[in-house]
N, C-alpha and C. Protein backbone atom coordinates (compact mmCIF):
# COMPACT_ATOMS: atom_id res chain seq x y z
N MET A 1 -16.06 106.30 0.85
CA MET A 1 -15.53 105.65 -0.34
C MET A 1 -16.68 105.04 -1.14
N THR A 2 -16.61 105.14 -2.45
CA THR A 2 -17.62 104.54 -3.32
C THR A 2 -16.93 103.58 -4.27
N ASN A 3 -17.73 102.68 -4.80
CA ASN A 3 -17.18 101.78 -5.81
C ASN A 3 -18.26 101.44 -6.82
N TRP A 4 -17.83 101.16 -8.03
CA TRP A 4 -18.73 100.78 -9.11
C TRP A 4 -18.73 99.27 -9.22
N ILE A 5 -19.92 98.69 -9.32
CA ILE A 5 -20.09 97.25 -9.45
C ILE A 5 -20.65 96.95 -10.83
N GLU A 6 -19.96 96.11 -11.58
CA GLU A 6 -20.48 95.70 -12.89
C GLU A 6 -21.62 94.72 -12.68
N ILE A 7 -22.75 94.98 -13.35
CA ILE A 7 -23.95 94.17 -13.18
C ILE A 7 -24.12 93.16 -14.31
N ALA A 8 -24.10 93.66 -15.54
CA ALA A 8 -24.37 92.81 -16.70
C ALA A 8 -24.06 93.60 -17.96
N ARG A 9 -24.10 92.93 -19.08
CA ARG A 9 -24.05 93.63 -20.35
C ARG A 9 -25.44 94.23 -20.59
N LEU A 10 -25.50 95.35 -21.26
CA LEU A 10 -26.77 96.03 -21.49
C LEU A 10 -27.80 95.11 -22.11
N GLU A 11 -27.40 94.33 -23.08
CA GLU A 11 -28.36 93.46 -23.78
C GLU A 11 -28.89 92.32 -22.90
N GLU A 12 -28.28 92.08 -21.75
CA GLU A 12 -28.77 91.05 -20.83
C GLU A 12 -29.92 91.53 -19.95
N ILE A 13 -30.18 92.83 -19.96
CA ILE A 13 -31.32 93.38 -19.23
C ILE A 13 -32.37 93.71 -20.27
N PRO A 14 -33.55 93.10 -20.21
CA PRO A 14 -34.54 93.35 -21.26
C PRO A 14 -35.05 94.79 -21.22
N ARG A 15 -35.36 95.34 -22.39
CA ARG A 15 -36.00 96.65 -22.43
C ARG A 15 -37.29 96.58 -21.65
N LEU A 16 -37.56 97.63 -20.87
CA LEU A 16 -38.73 97.70 -19.99
C LEU A 16 -38.72 96.58 -18.96
N GLY A 17 -37.52 96.15 -18.60
CA GLY A 17 -37.37 95.08 -17.60
C GLY A 17 -36.33 95.45 -16.58
N SER A 18 -35.93 94.44 -15.79
CA SER A 18 -34.97 94.69 -14.72
C SER A 18 -34.13 93.46 -14.45
N ARG A 19 -33.15 93.69 -13.60
CA ARG A 19 -32.27 92.64 -13.10
C ARG A 19 -32.02 92.98 -11.63
N VAL A 20 -31.80 91.99 -10.79
CA VAL A 20 -31.61 92.23 -9.36
C VAL A 20 -30.17 91.93 -8.96
N LEU A 21 -29.58 92.88 -8.24
CA LEU A 21 -28.28 92.70 -7.63
C LEU A 21 -28.52 92.45 -6.15
N LYS A 22 -28.08 91.31 -5.65
CA LYS A 22 -28.22 90.99 -4.23
C LYS A 22 -26.95 91.40 -3.50
N THR A 23 -27.11 92.20 -2.44
CA THR A 23 -25.97 92.58 -1.62
C THR A 23 -26.15 91.92 -0.26
N ASP A 24 -25.19 92.13 0.62
CA ASP A 24 -25.30 91.52 1.95
C ASP A 24 -26.36 92.19 2.81
N THR A 25 -26.87 93.36 2.41
CA THR A 25 -27.87 94.06 3.22
C THR A 25 -29.20 94.29 2.53
N MET A 26 -29.25 94.17 1.19
CA MET A 26 -30.50 94.44 0.46
C MET A 26 -30.39 93.96 -0.97
N ASP A 27 -31.52 94.04 -1.67
CA ASP A 27 -31.56 93.80 -3.11
C ASP A 27 -31.70 95.14 -3.82
N ILE A 28 -31.02 95.27 -4.96
CA ILE A 28 -31.10 96.48 -5.76
C ILE A 28 -31.62 96.08 -7.14
N ALA A 29 -32.68 96.77 -7.58
CA ALA A 29 -33.25 96.52 -8.90
C ALA A 29 -32.59 97.46 -9.91
N VAL A 30 -32.11 96.89 -11.01
CA VAL A 30 -31.48 97.67 -12.08
C VAL A 30 -32.43 97.60 -13.27
N PHE A 31 -32.94 98.76 -13.69
CA PHE A 31 -33.96 98.86 -14.73
C PHE A 31 -33.39 99.37 -16.04
N ARG A 32 -33.98 98.89 -17.14
CA ARG A 32 -33.64 99.40 -18.48
C ARG A 32 -34.92 99.93 -19.11
N THR A 33 -34.87 101.17 -19.57
CA THR A 33 -36.04 101.75 -20.22
C THR A 33 -36.07 101.38 -21.69
N ASN A 34 -37.15 101.76 -22.35
CA ASN A 34 -37.29 101.46 -23.77
C ASN A 34 -36.23 102.18 -24.61
N ASP A 35 -35.72 103.32 -24.10
CA ASP A 35 -34.68 104.05 -24.83
C ASP A 35 -33.27 103.75 -24.28
N ASP A 36 -33.13 102.59 -23.62
CA ASP A 36 -31.85 102.06 -23.15
C ASP A 36 -31.18 102.85 -22.03
N GLU A 37 -31.95 103.65 -21.30
CA GLU A 37 -31.39 104.28 -20.10
C GLU A 37 -31.43 103.27 -18.97
N ILE A 38 -30.47 103.38 -18.06
CA ILE A 38 -30.35 102.45 -16.94
C ILE A 38 -30.52 103.21 -15.64
N PHE A 39 -31.30 102.62 -14.72
CA PHE A 39 -31.54 103.21 -13.41
C PHE A 39 -31.47 102.11 -12.36
N ALA A 40 -31.13 102.48 -11.14
CA ALA A 40 -31.04 101.49 -10.06
C ALA A 40 -31.73 102.04 -8.81
N LEU A 41 -32.61 101.21 -8.22
CA LEU A 41 -33.35 101.55 -7.02
C LEU A 41 -33.27 100.39 -6.03
N LYS A 42 -33.38 100.71 -4.76
CA LYS A 42 -33.56 99.65 -3.77
C LYS A 42 -34.82 98.89 -4.18
N ASP A 43 -34.76 97.57 -4.17
CA ASP A 43 -35.85 96.74 -4.68
C ASP A 43 -36.95 96.56 -3.63
N SER A 44 -37.48 97.69 -3.15
CA SER A 44 -38.51 97.64 -2.12
C SER A 44 -39.36 98.89 -2.19
N CYS A 45 -40.64 98.73 -2.50
CA CYS A 45 -41.55 99.86 -2.57
C CYS A 45 -41.69 100.49 -1.17
N PRO A 46 -41.69 101.82 -1.08
CA PRO A 46 -41.80 102.45 0.23
C PRO A 46 -43.18 102.26 0.88
N HIS A 47 -44.15 101.78 0.14
CA HIS A 47 -45.49 101.58 0.68
C HIS A 47 -45.56 100.34 1.55
N LYS A 48 -45.39 99.17 0.95
CA LYS A 48 -45.49 97.90 1.69
C LYS A 48 -44.35 96.95 1.38
N GLY A 49 -43.27 97.48 0.77
CA GLY A 49 -42.09 96.66 0.52
C GLY A 49 -42.18 95.76 -0.70
N GLY A 50 -43.10 96.04 -1.60
CA GLY A 50 -43.24 95.21 -2.80
C GLY A 50 -41.98 95.20 -3.64
N PRO A 51 -41.72 94.10 -4.35
CA PRO A 51 -40.51 93.99 -5.17
C PRO A 51 -40.63 94.82 -6.45
N LEU A 52 -40.00 95.98 -6.49
CA LEU A 52 -40.09 96.85 -7.66
C LEU A 52 -39.55 96.18 -8.91
N SER A 53 -38.60 95.27 -8.75
CA SER A 53 -38.02 94.57 -9.91
C SER A 53 -39.06 93.75 -10.65
N GLN A 54 -40.18 93.45 -10.01
CA GLN A 54 -41.25 92.68 -10.66
C GLN A 54 -42.36 93.59 -11.17
N GLY A 55 -42.15 94.91 -11.06
CA GLY A 55 -43.15 95.86 -11.50
C GLY A 55 -43.10 96.12 -13.00
N ILE A 56 -44.00 96.98 -13.45
CA ILE A 56 -44.08 97.33 -14.87
C ILE A 56 -43.31 98.62 -15.08
N VAL A 57 -42.33 98.57 -16.01
CA VAL A 57 -41.53 99.74 -16.36
C VAL A 57 -42.22 100.46 -17.51
N HIS A 58 -42.40 101.77 -17.35
CA HIS A 58 -43.02 102.59 -18.39
C HIS A 58 -42.39 103.98 -18.33
N ASP A 59 -42.05 104.51 -19.51
CA ASP A 59 -41.35 105.79 -19.58
C ASP A 59 -40.14 105.75 -18.63
N HIS A 60 -40.09 106.64 -17.64
CA HIS A 60 -39.00 106.66 -16.67
C HIS A 60 -39.55 106.39 -15.28
N ALA A 61 -40.45 105.41 -15.20
CA ALA A 61 -41.09 105.05 -13.93
C ALA A 61 -41.30 103.54 -13.88
N VAL A 62 -41.54 103.06 -12.66
CA VAL A 62 -41.90 101.66 -12.46
C VAL A 62 -43.14 101.65 -11.56
N THR A 63 -44.08 100.74 -11.87
CA THR A 63 -45.28 100.60 -11.06
C THR A 63 -45.13 99.36 -10.20
N CYS A 64 -45.25 99.53 -8.88
CA CYS A 64 -45.12 98.41 -7.94
C CYS A 64 -46.18 97.35 -8.24
N PRO A 65 -45.81 96.08 -8.24
CA PRO A 65 -46.77 95.03 -8.56
C PRO A 65 -47.80 94.77 -7.47
N LEU A 66 -47.59 95.28 -6.26
CA LEU A 66 -48.54 95.00 -5.18
C LEU A 66 -49.72 95.96 -5.14
N HIS A 67 -49.45 97.26 -5.16
CA HIS A 67 -50.53 98.23 -4.97
C HIS A 67 -50.49 99.38 -5.97
N ASN A 68 -49.78 99.18 -7.08
CA ASN A 68 -49.75 100.14 -8.19
C ASN A 68 -49.16 101.51 -7.86
N TRP A 69 -48.30 101.59 -6.85
CA TRP A 69 -47.60 102.85 -6.61
C TRP A 69 -46.60 103.05 -7.75
N LYS A 70 -46.48 104.28 -8.22
CA LYS A 70 -45.57 104.60 -9.32
C LYS A 70 -44.35 105.34 -8.75
N ILE A 71 -43.15 104.85 -9.12
CA ILE A 71 -41.91 105.42 -8.61
C ILE A 71 -41.09 105.95 -9.79
N ASP A 72 -40.60 107.17 -9.67
CA ASP A 72 -39.76 107.78 -10.70
C ASP A 72 -38.38 107.10 -10.65
N LEU A 73 -37.97 106.51 -11.77
CA LEU A 73 -36.69 105.80 -11.81
C LEU A 73 -35.50 106.74 -11.66
N ARG A 74 -35.66 108.00 -12.06
CA ARG A 74 -34.55 108.95 -12.00
C ARG A 74 -34.24 109.41 -10.58
N THR A 75 -35.28 109.51 -9.74
CA THR A 75 -35.10 110.10 -8.41
C THR A 75 -35.47 109.18 -7.26
N GLY A 76 -36.26 108.15 -7.53
CA GLY A 76 -36.77 107.30 -6.47
C GLY A 76 -38.01 107.85 -5.80
N GLU A 77 -38.46 109.03 -6.22
CA GLU A 77 -39.64 109.66 -5.63
C GLU A 77 -40.91 108.97 -6.10
N VAL A 78 -41.85 108.81 -5.18
CA VAL A 78 -43.16 108.28 -5.52
C VAL A 78 -43.93 109.37 -6.26
N LEU A 79 -44.60 108.99 -7.33
CA LEU A 79 -45.38 109.94 -8.12
C LEU A 79 -46.78 110.03 -7.54
N GLY A 80 -47.31 111.26 -7.41
CA GLY A 80 -48.60 111.53 -6.76
C GLY A 80 -49.74 110.72 -7.31
N PRO A 81 -50.78 110.55 -6.53
CA PRO A 81 -51.06 111.27 -5.29
C PRO A 81 -50.36 110.65 -4.07
N ASP A 82 -49.71 109.50 -4.23
CA ASP A 82 -49.03 108.87 -3.10
C ASP A 82 -47.74 109.63 -2.78
N GLU A 83 -47.17 109.39 -1.61
CA GLU A 83 -45.96 110.08 -1.20
C GLU A 83 -44.94 109.10 -0.65
N GLY A 84 -43.67 109.39 -0.87
CA GLY A 84 -42.61 108.55 -0.34
C GLY A 84 -41.41 108.59 -1.27
N CYS A 85 -40.40 107.82 -0.91
CA CYS A 85 -39.17 107.80 -1.69
C CYS A 85 -38.46 106.47 -1.44
N VAL A 86 -37.78 105.99 -2.46
CA VAL A 86 -36.95 104.80 -2.33
C VAL A 86 -35.53 105.21 -2.75
N HIS A 87 -34.52 104.62 -2.10
CA HIS A 87 -33.14 104.99 -2.40
C HIS A 87 -32.79 104.63 -3.84
N HIS A 88 -32.14 105.57 -4.53
CA HIS A 88 -31.68 105.29 -5.89
C HIS A 88 -30.16 105.37 -5.92
N TYR A 89 -29.58 104.69 -6.88
CA TYR A 89 -28.13 104.58 -7.03
C TYR A 89 -27.71 105.10 -8.40
N ALA A 90 -26.52 105.67 -8.48
CA ALA A 90 -25.97 106.10 -9.76
C ALA A 90 -25.74 104.86 -10.63
N ALA A 91 -26.06 104.99 -11.91
CA ALA A 91 -25.88 103.89 -12.85
C ALA A 91 -25.27 104.42 -14.14
N LYS A 92 -24.52 103.57 -14.82
CA LYS A 92 -23.90 103.98 -16.08
C LYS A 92 -23.73 102.78 -16.99
N VAL A 93 -23.56 103.08 -18.27
CA VAL A 93 -23.23 102.06 -19.27
C VAL A 93 -21.96 102.52 -19.97
N GLU A 94 -20.93 101.71 -19.91
CA GLU A 94 -19.67 101.98 -20.60
C GLU A 94 -19.27 100.75 -21.38
N ASP A 95 -19.01 100.93 -22.66
CA ASP A 95 -18.62 99.82 -23.54
C ASP A 95 -19.61 98.66 -23.44
N GLY A 96 -20.89 99.00 -23.29
CA GLY A 96 -21.94 97.98 -23.25
C GLY A 96 -22.10 97.28 -21.92
N VAL A 97 -21.35 97.71 -20.89
CA VAL A 97 -21.42 97.09 -19.56
C VAL A 97 -22.15 98.03 -18.60
N VAL A 98 -23.15 97.49 -17.91
CA VAL A 98 -23.93 98.25 -16.93
C VAL A 98 -23.26 98.14 -15.57
N SER A 99 -23.08 99.29 -14.92
CA SER A 99 -22.49 99.34 -13.58
C SER A 99 -23.33 100.26 -12.71
N ILE A 100 -23.33 99.98 -11.40
CA ILE A 100 -23.95 100.90 -10.45
C ILE A 100 -22.93 101.22 -9.37
N ARG A 101 -23.10 102.40 -8.78
CA ARG A 101 -22.17 102.85 -7.74
C ARG A 101 -22.79 102.57 -6.39
N LEU A 102 -22.04 101.87 -5.56
CA LEU A 102 -22.48 101.54 -4.20
C LEU A 102 -21.58 102.22 -3.19
N ARG A 103 -22.13 102.45 -2.03
CA ARG A 103 -21.30 102.88 -0.91
C ARG A 103 -20.51 101.67 -0.43
N GLU A 104 -19.46 101.90 0.32
CA GLU A 104 -18.57 100.83 0.78
C GLU A 104 -19.33 99.78 1.61
N GLU A 105 -20.33 100.20 2.41
CA GLU A 105 -21.01 99.26 3.27
C GLU A 105 -21.99 98.34 2.54
N ALA A 106 -22.28 98.58 1.28
CA ALA A 106 -23.19 97.72 0.50
C ALA A 106 -22.35 96.96 -0.51
N THR A 107 -21.77 95.89 -0.12
CA THR A 107 -20.87 95.12 -0.97
C THR A 107 -21.61 93.93 -1.59
N ALA A 108 -21.40 93.73 -2.88
CA ALA A 108 -22.06 92.63 -3.57
C ALA A 108 -21.58 91.29 -3.05
N LEU A 109 -22.49 90.32 -3.08
CA LEU A 109 -22.13 88.96 -2.65
C LEU A 109 -21.36 88.22 -3.71
């Protein structure tokens, strides 16, 4: 079973910025690009666990603030030469409201 969780209104997430959704098992970073696309990733770099929500958003990627690893916002894949992946979540904007889809076991607090 899946469910959609409303996060915020689109304008409440700054362009090239993020917002964090805290669940009972992890934090999820919700990113807004300069062209108003929304993406959601587990808020933990696969390298050393750095908070991706505090990274720099550019194009469709985020750079981890700890060691400059670049992660593709669309797939969660680390961009070369580094390797790895972070879990990504489906995200949407409807009527100006940002939502992400979670599995049943990741319930918002």
